[in-house]
């Protein structure tokens, strides 16, 4: 059983519940619904042992936690998510800082379903990648490269299944982008 800030997240280890906990912040959209949708596209075996995802904002961090993030070499104001390993007292859980994610996007862009869901999907899938590496693959420590690979893999699956009707357009756009990059590289060599 996992308790975070006095809130019971789940009774069953296989259930990944999304909880919102904000202090003086209102997200620009229903982040919990989007997070639940993103998790529904992650294969269940990768979510084993993950008990919950807490959507929060930087205002909920204590000064001590803010300093500990800064001591890790990252600006605390730029932290998008944190993976918390399982301990003897609690199961693994993920903390997502919704304000930091959505502050980077203009309001009009968040009205486009693909953009608003991908904005959150990249961070959630990155943190799930840390969980897969540590809990499923039994890695000893968190490697950003491994989490990044899982982020890309899970995000690609999410886009292919959720936005299947856009996939041909996105595939064509990627193909054109690669050709343009090759042409630009050839032009620079001359």
N, C-alpha and C. Protein backbone atom coordinates (compact mmCIF):
# COMPACT_ATOMS: atom_id res chain seq x y z
N UNK A 1 0.85 -1.17 0.00
CA UNK A 1 0.00 0.00 0.00
C UNK A 1 0.90 1.23 0.00
N UNK A 2 0.61 2.20 -0.86
CA UNK A 2 1.45 3.38 -1.00
C UNK A 2 0.70 4.61 -0.53
N UNK A 3 1.32 5.32 0.41
CA UNK A 3 0.75 6.58 0.87
C UNK A 3 1.72 7.69 0.52
N UNK A 4 1.22 8.72 -0.14
CA UNK A 4 2.03 9.90 -0.47
C UNK A 4 1.26 11.11 -0.02
N UNK A 5 1.86 11.91 0.84
CA UNK A 5 1.24 13.10 1.40
C UNK A 5 -0.12 12.77 2.03
N UNK A 6 -0.18 11.61 2.68
CA UNK A 6 -1.39 11.22 3.38
C UNK A 6 -2.50 10.70 2.49
N UNK A 7 -2.21 10.45 1.20
CA UNK A 7 -3.23 9.96 0.27
C UNK A 7 -2.89 8.54 -0.12
N UNK A 8 -3.85 7.62 0.04
CA UNK A 8 -3.64 6.25 -0.39
C UNK A 8 -3.77 6.18 -1.91
N UNK A 9 -2.71 5.70 -2.58
CA UNK A 9 -2.74 5.65 -4.03
C UNK A 9 -3.38 4.39 -4.57
N UNK A 10 -3.08 3.23 -4.02
CA UNK A 10 -3.63 2.00 -4.59
C UNK A 10 -3.59 0.87 -3.58
N UNK A 11 -4.49 -0.09 -3.75
CA UNK A 11 -4.48 -1.29 -2.94
C UNK A 11 -3.70 -2.40 -3.62
N UNK A 12 -3.72 -2.42 -4.93
CA UNK A 12 -3.08 -3.50 -5.69
C UNK A 12 -1.81 -2.99 -6.36
N UNK A 13 -0.70 -3.75 -6.30
CA UNK A 13 0.54 -3.32 -6.93
C UNK A 13 0.43 -3.15 -8.45
N UNK A 14 -0.47 -3.89 -9.10
CA UNK A 14 -0.57 -3.81 -10.55
C UNK A 14 -1.36 -2.58 -11.01
N UNK A 15 -2.10 -1.96 -10.12
CA UNK A 15 -2.91 -0.80 -10.46
C UNK A 15 -2.05 0.46 -10.42
N UNK A 16 -2.03 1.21 -11.51
CA UNK A 16 -1.31 2.48 -11.53
C UNK A 16 -2.35 3.58 -11.51
N UNK A 17 -2.45 4.23 -10.39
CA UNK A 17 -3.44 5.29 -10.22
C UNK A 17 -2.77 6.64 -10.42
N UNK A 18 -3.49 7.55 -11.02
CA UNK A 18 -2.99 8.91 -11.23
C UNK A 18 -3.68 9.82 -10.23
N UNK A 19 -2.87 10.55 -9.45
CA UNK A 19 -3.38 11.44 -8.42
C UNK A 19 -2.86 12.85 -8.70
N UNK A 20 -3.73 13.84 -8.57
CA UNK A 20 -3.31 15.23 -8.74
C UNK A 20 -3.16 15.88 -7.38
N UNK A 21 -2.02 16.54 -7.15
CA UNK A 21 -1.75 17.26 -5.91
C UNK A 21 -1.04 18.56 -6.28
N UNK A 22 -1.79 19.66 -6.30
CA UNK A 22 -1.22 20.96 -6.66
C UNK A 22 -1.33 21.92 -5.49
N UNK A 23 -0.41 22.88 -5.44
CA UNK A 23 -0.48 23.95 -4.46
C UNK A 23 -0.49 25.27 -5.23
N UNK A 24 -1.58 25.99 -5.13
CA UNK A 24 -1.75 27.30 -5.78
C UNK A 24 -1.48 27.22 -7.29
N UNK A 25 -1.99 26.19 -7.91
CA UNK A 25 -1.79 26.02 -9.36
C UNK A 25 -2.98 25.29 -9.94
N UNK A 26 -3.42 25.72 -11.10
CA UNK A 26 -4.50 25.07 -11.85
C UNK A 26 -3.96 24.73 -13.22
N UNK A 27 -3.84 23.43 -13.57
CA UNK A 27 -3.30 23.08 -14.88
C UNK A 27 -4.22 23.58 -16.00
N UNK A 28 -3.64 23.89 -17.17
CA UNK A 28 -4.45 24.43 -18.26
C UNK A 28 -5.38 23.41 -18.91
N UNK A 29 -5.27 22.13 -18.53
CA UNK A 29 -6.13 21.08 -19.08
C UNK A 29 -6.21 19.93 -18.11
N UNK A 30 -7.00 18.94 -18.42
CA UNK A 30 -7.19 17.80 -17.53
C UNK A 30 -6.00 16.85 -17.64
N UNK A 31 -4.97 17.12 -16.87
CA UNK A 31 -3.72 16.35 -16.94
C UNK A 31 -3.91 14.91 -16.47
N UNK A 32 -4.80 14.68 -15.51
CA UNK A 32 -5.01 13.31 -15.00
C UNK A 32 -5.61 12.42 -16.08
N UNK A 33 -6.55 12.94 -16.84
CA UNK A 33 -7.16 12.15 -17.91
C UNK A 33 -6.14 11.82 -18.99
N UNK A 34 -5.31 12.80 -19.33
CA UNK A 34 -4.28 12.58 -20.35
C UNK A 34 -3.27 11.55 -19.86
N UNK A 35 -2.84 11.68 -18.60
CA UNK A 35 -1.86 10.73 -18.04
C UNK A 35 -2.43 9.31 -18.02
N UNK A 36 -3.70 9.17 -17.65
CA UNK A 36 -4.33 7.85 -17.67
C UNK A 36 -4.39 7.27 -19.07
N UNK A 37 -4.69 8.13 -20.04
CA UNK A 37 -4.73 7.69 -21.44
C UNK A 37 -3.35 7.22 -21.90
N UNK A 38 -2.31 7.98 -21.54
CA UNK A 38 -0.93 7.62 -21.91
C UNK A 38 -0.57 6.26 -21.31
N UNK A 39 -0.88 6.07 -20.04
CA UNK A 39 -0.56 4.81 -19.36
C UNK A 39 -1.32 3.62 -19.95
N UNK A 40 -2.49 3.88 -20.52
CA UNK A 40 -3.27 2.78 -21.10
C UNK A 40 -2.59 2.20 -22.34
N UNK A 41 -1.64 2.92 -22.93
CA UNK A 41 -0.92 2.43 -24.10
C UNK A 41 0.41 1.78 -23.74
N UNK A 42 0.78 1.78 -22.45
CA UNK A 42 2.01 1.12 -22.00
C UNK A 42 1.66 -0.33 -21.68
N UNK A 43 2.40 -1.30 -22.21
CA UNK A 43 2.10 -2.70 -21.90
C UNK A 43 2.12 -2.95 -20.39
N UNK A 44 1.14 -3.71 -19.89
CA UNK A 44 1.01 -3.91 -18.44
C UNK A 44 2.24 -4.50 -17.77
N UNK A 45 3.00 -5.34 -18.47
CA UNK A 45 4.18 -5.94 -17.83
C UNK A 45 5.23 -4.89 -17.48
N UNK A 46 5.23 -3.75 -18.17
CA UNK A 46 6.18 -2.68 -17.87
C UNK A 46 5.74 -1.83 -16.68
N UNK A 47 4.49 -1.95 -16.32
CA UNK A 47 3.97 -1.17 -15.20
C UNK A 47 3.93 -1.97 -13.90
N UNK A 48 4.34 -3.24 -13.96
CA UNK A 48 4.35 -4.08 -12.75
C UNK A 48 5.27 -3.45 -11.71
N UNK A 49 4.79 -3.33 -10.51
CA UNK A 49 5.58 -2.76 -9.43
C UNK A 49 5.49 -1.25 -9.32
N UNK A 50 4.84 -0.61 -10.26
CA UNK A 50 4.65 0.85 -10.22
C UNK A 50 3.28 1.11 -9.62
N UNK A 51 3.27 1.79 -8.49
CA UNK A 51 2.02 1.91 -7.76
C UNK A 51 1.26 3.19 -8.05
N UNK A 52 1.91 4.23 -8.49
CA UNK A 52 1.17 5.46 -8.72
C UNK A 52 1.97 6.53 -9.42
N UNK A 53 1.22 7.47 -9.99
CA UNK A 53 1.81 8.66 -10.59
C UNK A 53 1.14 9.85 -9.93
N UNK A 54 1.95 10.76 -9.42
CA UNK A 54 1.45 11.97 -8.78
C UNK A 54 1.73 13.14 -9.72
N UNK A 55 0.68 13.82 -10.14
CA UNK A 55 0.82 15.03 -10.95
C UNK A 55 0.81 16.20 -9.97
N UNK A 56 1.84 17.01 -10.02
CA UNK A 56 1.99 18.07 -9.04
C UNK A 56 2.64 19.28 -9.69
N UNK A 57 2.93 20.29 -8.89
CA UNK A 57 3.65 21.47 -9.38
C UNK A 57 4.82 21.77 -8.46
N UNK A 58 5.70 22.64 -8.90
CA UNK A 58 6.91 22.95 -8.12
C UNK A 58 6.59 23.59 -6.77
N UNK A 59 5.42 24.18 -6.64
CA UNK A 59 5.02 24.80 -5.38
C UNK A 59 4.86 23.81 -4.25
N UNK A 60 4.73 22.54 -4.55
CA UNK A 60 4.57 21.54 -3.51
C UNK A 60 5.90 21.07 -2.93
N UNK A 61 7.01 21.41 -3.59
CA UNK A 61 8.32 20.97 -3.11
C UNK A 61 8.76 21.80 -1.91
N UNK A 62 9.26 21.13 -0.91
CA UNK A 62 9.82 21.83 0.25
C UNK A 62 11.18 22.41 -0.15
N UNK A 63 11.68 23.32 0.66
CA UNK A 63 13.01 23.90 0.38
C UNK A 63 14.08 22.82 0.37
N UNK A 64 13.95 21.87 1.28
CA UNK A 64 14.93 20.79 1.36
C UNK A 64 14.94 19.97 0.07
N UNK A 65 13.77 19.61 -0.42
CA UNK A 65 13.70 18.84 -1.67
C UNK A 65 14.17 19.67 -2.85
N UNK A 66 13.89 20.96 -2.84
CA UNK A 66 14.33 21.85 -3.92
C UNK A 66 15.87 21.91 -3.94
N UNK A 67 16.47 22.01 -2.75
CA UNK A 67 17.94 22.03 -2.66
C UNK A 67 18.54 20.71 -3.09
N UNK A 68 17.88 19.60 -2.75
CA UNK A 68 18.43 18.29 -3.13
C UNK A 68 18.40 18.13 -4.64
N UNK A 69 17.40 18.67 -5.31
CA UNK A 69 17.37 18.61 -6.78
C UNK A 69 18.47 19.47 -7.37
N UNK A 70 18.70 20.64 -6.79
CA UNK A 70 19.76 21.53 -7.28
C UNK A 70 21.13 20.89 -7.06
N UNK A 71 21.28 20.14 -5.97
CA UNK A 71 22.58 19.50 -5.70
C UNK A 71 22.87 18.38 -6.68
N UNK A 72 21.85 17.85 -7.32
CA UNK A 72 22.05 16.80 -8.31
C UNK A 72 22.53 17.35 -9.64
N UNK A 73 22.64 18.66 -9.73
CA UNK A 73 23.16 19.27 -10.95
C UNK A 73 22.09 19.76 -11.89
N UNK A 74 20.85 19.64 -11.51
CA UNK A 74 19.78 20.14 -12.37
C UNK A 74 19.14 21.35 -11.72
N UNK A 75 18.71 22.27 -12.56
CA UNK A 75 17.97 23.40 -12.01
C UNK A 75 16.61 22.87 -11.59
N UNK A 76 16.25 23.10 -10.36
CA UNK A 76 14.99 22.56 -9.85
C UNK A 76 13.81 23.07 -10.66
N UNK A 77 13.92 24.29 -11.19
CA UNK A 77 12.82 24.84 -11.96
C UNK A 77 12.65 24.14 -13.30
N UNK A 78 13.62 23.33 -13.73
CA UNK A 78 13.56 22.64 -15.01
C UNK A 78 13.26 21.14 -14.86
N UNK A 79 13.08 20.67 -13.64
CA UNK A 79 12.77 19.26 -13.42
C UNK A 79 11.35 18.99 -13.91
N UNK A 80 11.20 18.01 -14.80
CA UNK A 80 9.89 17.68 -15.35
C UNK A 80 9.25 16.49 -14.64
N UNK A 81 10.07 15.56 -14.17
CA UNK A 81 9.54 14.39 -13.50
C UNK A 81 10.62 13.70 -12.69
N UNK A 82 10.18 12.92 -11.71
CA UNK A 82 11.10 12.17 -10.86
C UNK A 82 10.56 10.75 -10.69
N UNK A 83 11.47 9.79 -10.77
CA UNK A 83 11.12 8.40 -10.48
C UNK A 83 11.60 8.09 -9.07
N UNK A 84 10.71 7.58 -8.25
CA UNK A 84 11.05 7.21 -6.87
C UNK A 84 11.06 5.69 -6.78
N UNK A 85 12.23 5.14 -6.49
CA UNK A 85 12.39 3.69 -6.39
C UNK A 85 11.56 3.12 -5.26
N UNK A 86 11.33 1.83 -5.36
CA UNK A 86 10.63 1.12 -4.29
C UNK A 86 11.55 1.04 -3.07
N UNK A 87 10.97 1.17 -1.91
CA UNK A 87 11.69 1.01 -0.65
C UNK A 87 10.97 -0.07 0.15
N UNK A 88 11.48 -0.36 1.33
CA UNK A 88 10.80 -1.34 2.17
C UNK A 88 9.42 -0.85 2.59
N UNK A 89 9.28 0.48 2.71
CA UNK A 89 8.01 1.04 3.17
C UNK A 89 7.03 1.32 2.02
N UNK A 90 7.53 1.68 0.84
CA UNK A 90 6.66 2.09 -0.27
C UNK A 90 7.07 1.41 -1.57
N UNK A 91 6.11 1.26 -2.44
CA UNK A 91 6.41 0.77 -3.78
C UNK A 91 6.86 1.94 -4.65
N UNK A 92 7.36 1.64 -5.83
CA UNK A 92 7.85 2.68 -6.74
C UNK A 92 6.71 3.58 -7.19
N UNK A 93 7.03 4.86 -7.38
CA UNK A 93 6.04 5.81 -7.87
C UNK A 93 6.74 6.91 -8.65
N UNK A 94 5.97 7.64 -9.44
CA UNK A 94 6.49 8.68 -10.31
C UNK A 94 5.85 10.01 -9.93
N UNK A 95 6.66 11.06 -9.96
CA UNK A 95 6.19 12.41 -9.67
C UNK A 95 6.39 13.24 -10.94
N UNK A 96 5.33 13.86 -11.45
CA UNK A 96 5.38 14.66 -12.67
C UNK A 96 5.04 16.11 -12.32
N UNK A 97 5.91 17.05 -12.74
CA UNK A 97 5.71 18.48 -12.47
C UNK A 97 5.02 19.11 -13.68
N UNK A 98 3.70 19.15 -13.61
CA UNK A 98 2.86 19.58 -14.72
C UNK A 98 3.14 21.04 -15.09
N UNK A 99 3.38 21.88 -14.11
CA UNK A 99 3.62 23.29 -14.42
C UNK A 99 4.87 23.48 -15.27
N UNK A 100 5.93 22.76 -14.97
CA UNK A 100 7.16 22.87 -15.76
C UNK A 100 6.98 22.34 -17.18
N UNK A 101 6.13 21.34 -17.34
CA UNK A 101 5.90 20.77 -18.67
C UNK A 101 5.09 21.74 -19.53
N UNK A 102 3.99 22.24 -19.00
CA UNK A 102 3.10 23.06 -19.81
C UNK A 102 3.53 24.52 -19.93
N UNK A 103 4.44 24.98 -19.06
CA UNK A 103 4.92 26.36 -19.18
C UNK A 103 5.73 26.59 -20.45
N UNK A 104 6.29 25.51 -21.01
CA UNK A 104 7.11 25.64 -22.22
C UNK A 104 6.27 25.78 -23.49
N UNK A 105 4.97 25.53 -23.39
CA UNK A 105 4.13 25.51 -24.58
C UNK A 105 3.19 26.72 -24.60
N UNK A 106 3.00 27.34 -25.78
CA UNK A 106 2.00 28.42 -25.87
C UNK A 106 0.59 27.84 -25.71
N UNK A 107 -0.34 28.65 -25.22
CA UNK A 107 -1.69 28.17 -24.95
C UNK A 107 -2.39 27.64 -26.20
N UNK A 108 -2.15 28.28 -27.35
CA UNK A 108 -2.82 27.81 -28.57
C UNK A 108 -2.33 26.41 -28.96
N UNK A 109 -1.07 26.09 -28.69
CA UNK A 109 -0.53 24.78 -29.05
C UNK A 109 -1.16 23.68 -28.20
N UNK A 110 -1.54 24.00 -26.96
CA UNK A 110 -2.13 23.00 -26.09
C UNK A 110 -3.57 22.66 -26.48
N UNK A 111 -4.13 23.39 -27.43
CA UNK A 111 -5.47 23.07 -27.93
C UNK A 111 -5.42 21.98 -29.00
N UNK A 112 -4.22 21.66 -29.49
CA UNK A 112 -4.04 20.62 -30.50
C UNK A 112 -3.81 19.30 -29.75
N UNK A 113 -4.69 18.31 -29.94
CA UNK A 113 -4.60 17.07 -29.15
C UNK A 113 -3.23 16.39 -29.21
N UNK A 114 -2.64 16.30 -30.39
CA UNK A 114 -1.34 15.63 -30.51
C UNK A 114 -0.28 16.32 -29.66
N UNK A 115 -0.23 17.63 -29.69
CA UNK A 115 0.79 18.38 -28.94
C UNK A 115 0.55 18.29 -27.44
N UNK A 116 -0.69 18.50 -27.01
CA UNK A 116 -0.94 18.50 -25.56
C UNK A 116 -0.69 17.13 -24.95
N UNK A 117 -0.99 16.06 -25.69
CA UNK A 117 -0.77 14.73 -25.13
C UNK A 117 0.70 14.32 -25.21
N UNK A 118 1.38 14.73 -26.28
CA UNK A 118 2.81 14.41 -26.37
C UNK A 118 3.63 15.19 -25.34
N UNK A 119 3.20 16.41 -25.01
CA UNK A 119 3.92 17.20 -24.02
C UNK A 119 4.04 16.43 -22.70
N UNK A 120 2.97 15.77 -22.32
CA UNK A 120 2.96 14.98 -21.10
C UNK A 120 3.53 13.57 -21.33
N UNK A 121 3.29 13.00 -22.52
CA UNK A 121 3.71 11.62 -22.80
C UNK A 121 5.23 11.46 -22.74
N UNK A 122 5.98 12.42 -23.27
CA UNK A 122 7.43 12.29 -23.25
C UNK A 122 7.96 12.16 -21.82
N UNK A 123 7.46 12.99 -20.92
CA UNK A 123 7.94 12.96 -19.54
C UNK A 123 7.48 11.68 -18.83
N UNK A 124 6.21 11.33 -18.96
CA UNK A 124 5.71 10.11 -18.30
C UNK A 124 6.46 8.89 -18.83
N UNK A 125 6.62 8.80 -20.14
CA UNK A 125 7.31 7.65 -20.71
C UNK A 125 8.78 7.61 -20.32
N UNK A 126 9.40 8.77 -20.14
CA UNK A 126 10.80 8.81 -19.69
C UNK A 126 10.90 8.21 -18.28
N UNK A 127 10.01 8.64 -17.41
CA UNK A 127 10.04 8.14 -16.03
C UNK A 127 9.65 6.66 -15.97
N UNK A 128 8.72 6.23 -16.81
CA UNK A 128 8.40 4.80 -16.90
C UNK A 128 9.63 4.03 -17.40
N UNK A 129 10.42 4.67 -18.28
CA UNK A 129 11.67 4.06 -18.74
C UNK A 129 12.64 3.80 -17.60
N UNK A 130 12.73 4.74 -16.65
CA UNK A 130 13.55 4.51 -15.46
C UNK A 130 13.01 3.31 -14.68
N UNK A 131 11.68 3.22 -14.56
CA UNK A 131 11.07 2.11 -13.83
C UNK A 131 11.38 0.78 -14.52
N UNK A 132 11.27 0.75 -15.84
CA UNK A 132 11.56 -0.48 -16.59
C UNK A 132 13.00 -0.90 -16.37
N UNK A 133 13.91 0.08 -16.42
CA UNK A 133 15.33 -0.23 -16.26
C UNK A 133 15.62 -0.78 -14.87
N UNK A 134 15.06 -0.19 -13.84
CA UNK A 134 15.40 -0.58 -12.47
C UNK A 134 14.57 -1.77 -12.00
N UNK A 135 13.27 -1.73 -12.22
CA UNK A 135 12.40 -2.77 -11.67
C UNK A 135 12.29 -3.99 -12.58
N UNK A 136 12.10 -3.78 -13.86
CA UNK A 136 11.88 -4.90 -14.79
C UNK A 136 13.21 -5.51 -15.23
N UNK A 137 14.16 -4.67 -15.68
CA UNK A 137 15.44 -5.16 -16.18
C UNK A 137 16.48 -5.33 -15.08
N UNK A 138 16.13 -4.95 -13.84
CA UNK A 138 16.98 -5.11 -12.66
C UNK A 138 18.31 -4.37 -12.77
N UNK A 139 18.27 -3.15 -13.31
CA UNK A 139 19.47 -2.31 -13.36
C UNK A 139 19.78 -1.78 -11.98
N UNK A 140 21.05 -1.47 -11.74
CA UNK A 140 21.46 -1.01 -10.41
C UNK A 140 21.26 0.49 -10.21
N UNK A 141 21.34 1.25 -11.28
CA UNK A 141 21.20 2.70 -11.15
C UNK A 141 20.49 3.24 -12.38
N UNK A 142 20.05 4.50 -12.27
CA UNK A 142 19.29 5.12 -13.35
C UNK A 142 20.22 5.71 -14.40
N UNK A 143 20.08 5.27 -15.62
CA UNK A 143 20.84 5.84 -16.73
C UNK A 143 19.88 6.62 -17.60
N UNK A 144 20.23 7.87 -17.89
CA UNK A 144 19.36 8.71 -18.72
C UNK A 144 19.26 8.17 -20.14
N UNK A 145 20.34 7.58 -20.65
CA UNK A 145 20.32 7.04 -22.01
C UNK A 145 19.32 5.91 -22.17
N UNK A 146 19.27 5.03 -21.19
CA UNK A 146 18.33 3.91 -21.24
C UNK A 146 16.90 4.43 -21.12
N UNK A 147 16.68 5.36 -20.21
CA UNK A 147 15.34 5.93 -20.05
C UNK A 147 14.92 6.66 -21.32
N UNK A 148 15.87 7.33 -21.97
CA UNK A 148 15.56 8.03 -23.22
C UNK A 148 15.15 7.08 -24.32
N UNK A 149 15.80 5.92 -24.39
CA UNK A 149 15.42 4.92 -25.40
C UNK A 149 14.01 4.40 -25.16
N UNK A 150 13.68 4.14 -23.89
CA UNK A 150 12.33 3.68 -23.58
C UNK A 150 11.32 4.79 -23.83
N UNK A 151 11.70 6.03 -23.54
CA UNK A 151 10.81 7.17 -23.80
C UNK A 151 10.43 7.21 -25.28
N UNK A 152 11.44 7.11 -26.16
CA UNK A 152 11.16 7.14 -27.60
C UNK A 152 10.31 5.95 -28.04
N UNK A 153 10.64 4.78 -27.52
CA UNK A 153 9.91 3.57 -27.91
C UNK A 153 8.45 3.63 -27.47
N UNK A 154 8.22 3.98 -26.20
CA UNK A 154 6.85 4.05 -25.68
C UNK A 154 6.07 5.19 -26.31
N UNK A 155 6.72 6.33 -26.57
CA UNK A 155 6.05 7.47 -27.19
C UNK A 155 5.67 7.15 -28.64
N UNK A 156 6.54 6.45 -29.35
CA UNK A 156 6.22 6.06 -30.73
C UNK A 156 5.00 5.14 -30.75
N UNK A 157 4.97 4.17 -29.83
CA UNK A 157 3.82 3.26 -29.74
C UNK A 157 2.55 4.05 -29.43
N UNK A 158 2.66 5.01 -28.50
CA UNK A 158 1.51 5.84 -28.13
C UNK A 158 0.97 6.60 -29.34
N UNK A 159 1.85 7.23 -30.10
CA UNK A 159 1.41 8.01 -31.27
C UNK A 159 0.83 7.08 -32.33
N UNK A 160 1.46 5.94 -32.56
CA UNK A 160 0.96 5.00 -33.58
C UNK A 160 -0.44 4.50 -33.25
N UNK A 161 -0.70 4.25 -31.98
CA UNK A 161 -2.00 3.70 -31.62
C UNK A 161 -3.05 4.78 -31.36
N UNK A 162 -2.66 5.83 -30.67
CA UNK A 162 -3.62 6.89 -30.31
C UNK A 162 -3.96 7.77 -31.51
N UNK A 163 -2.95 8.14 -32.28
CA UNK A 163 -3.14 9.03 -33.43
C UNK A 163 -2.84 8.28 -34.72
N UNK A 164 -3.42 7.09 -34.87
CA UNK A 164 -3.16 6.23 -36.02
C UNK A 164 -3.47 6.94 -37.33
N UNK A 165 -4.46 7.82 -37.32
CA UNK A 165 -4.85 8.52 -38.54
C UNK A 165 -3.83 9.56 -38.98
N UNK A 166 -2.95 9.98 -38.07
CA UNK A 166 -1.90 10.95 -38.41
C UNK A 166 -0.58 10.27 -38.78
N UNK A 167 -0.48 8.96 -38.53
CA UNK A 167 0.79 8.28 -38.72
C UNK A 167 1.35 8.41 -40.14
N UNK A 168 0.54 8.24 -41.19
CA UNK A 168 1.11 8.41 -42.54
C UNK A 168 1.67 9.81 -42.78
N UNK A 169 0.99 10.83 -42.27
CA UNK A 169 1.46 12.21 -42.43
C UNK A 169 2.76 12.41 -41.64
N UNK A 170 2.81 11.90 -40.41
CA UNK A 170 4.02 12.04 -39.60
C UNK A 170 5.19 11.27 -40.21
N UNK A 171 4.91 10.10 -40.76
CA UNK A 171 5.95 9.31 -41.41
C UNK A 171 6.51 10.06 -42.61
N UNK A 172 5.63 10.62 -43.42
CA UNK A 172 6.06 11.39 -44.59
C UNK A 172 6.84 12.64 -44.17
N UNK A 173 6.38 13.31 -43.11
CA UNK A 173 7.09 14.50 -42.62
C UNK A 173 8.48 14.13 -42.13
N UNK A 174 8.63 13.02 -41.47
CA UNK A 174 9.95 12.57 -41.01
C UNK A 174 10.86 12.24 -42.17
N UNK A 175 10.31 11.61 -43.18
CA UNK A 175 11.08 11.25 -44.39
C UNK A 175 11.57 12.52 -45.09
N UNK A 176 10.68 13.50 -45.26
CA UNK A 176 11.05 14.77 -45.90
C UNK A 176 12.10 15.48 -45.05
N UNK A 177 11.94 15.46 -43.74
CA UNK A 177 12.89 16.12 -42.84
C UNK A 177 14.28 15.52 -42.97
N UNK A 178 14.36 14.20 -43.04
CA UNK A 178 15.67 13.55 -43.19
C UNK A 178 16.32 13.93 -44.52
N UNK A 179 15.55 14.01 -45.59
CA UNK A 179 16.09 14.39 -46.90
C UNK A 179 16.60 15.82 -46.87
N UNK A 180 15.84 16.73 -46.25
CA UNK A 180 16.26 18.13 -46.16
C UNK A 180 17.55 18.24 -45.36
N UNK A 181 17.65 17.49 -44.25
CA UNK A 181 18.88 17.52 -43.45
C UNK A 181 20.08 17.04 -44.24
N UNK A 182 19.91 16.00 -45.05
CA UNK A 182 21.01 15.50 -45.88
C UNK A 182 21.42 16.54 -46.91
N UNK A 183 20.46 17.21 -47.52
CA UNK A 183 20.76 18.25 -48.51
C UNK A 183 21.51 19.40 -47.86
N UNK A 184 21.08 19.82 -46.68
CA UNK A 184 21.74 20.91 -45.95
C UNK A 184 23.17 20.52 -45.61
N UNK A 185 23.38 19.26 -45.17
CA UNK A 185 24.73 18.80 -44.87
C UNK A 185 25.61 18.81 -46.10
N UNK A 186 25.08 18.37 -47.21
CA UNK A 186 25.86 18.37 -48.47
C UNK A 186 26.19 19.80 -48.91
N UNK A 187 25.26 20.72 -48.71
CA UNK A 187 25.50 22.11 -49.11
C UNK A 187 26.60 22.74 -48.23
N UNK A 188 26.64 22.37 -46.95
CA UNK A 188 27.65 22.93 -46.06
C UNK A 188 29.04 22.41 -46.39
N UNK A 189 29.16 21.20 -46.91
CA UNK A 189 30.45 20.63 -47.25
C UNK A 189 31.07 21.34 -48.45
N UNK A 190 30.27 21.91 -49.30
CA UNK A 190 30.79 22.58 -50.51
C UNK A 190 31.37 23.91 -50.21
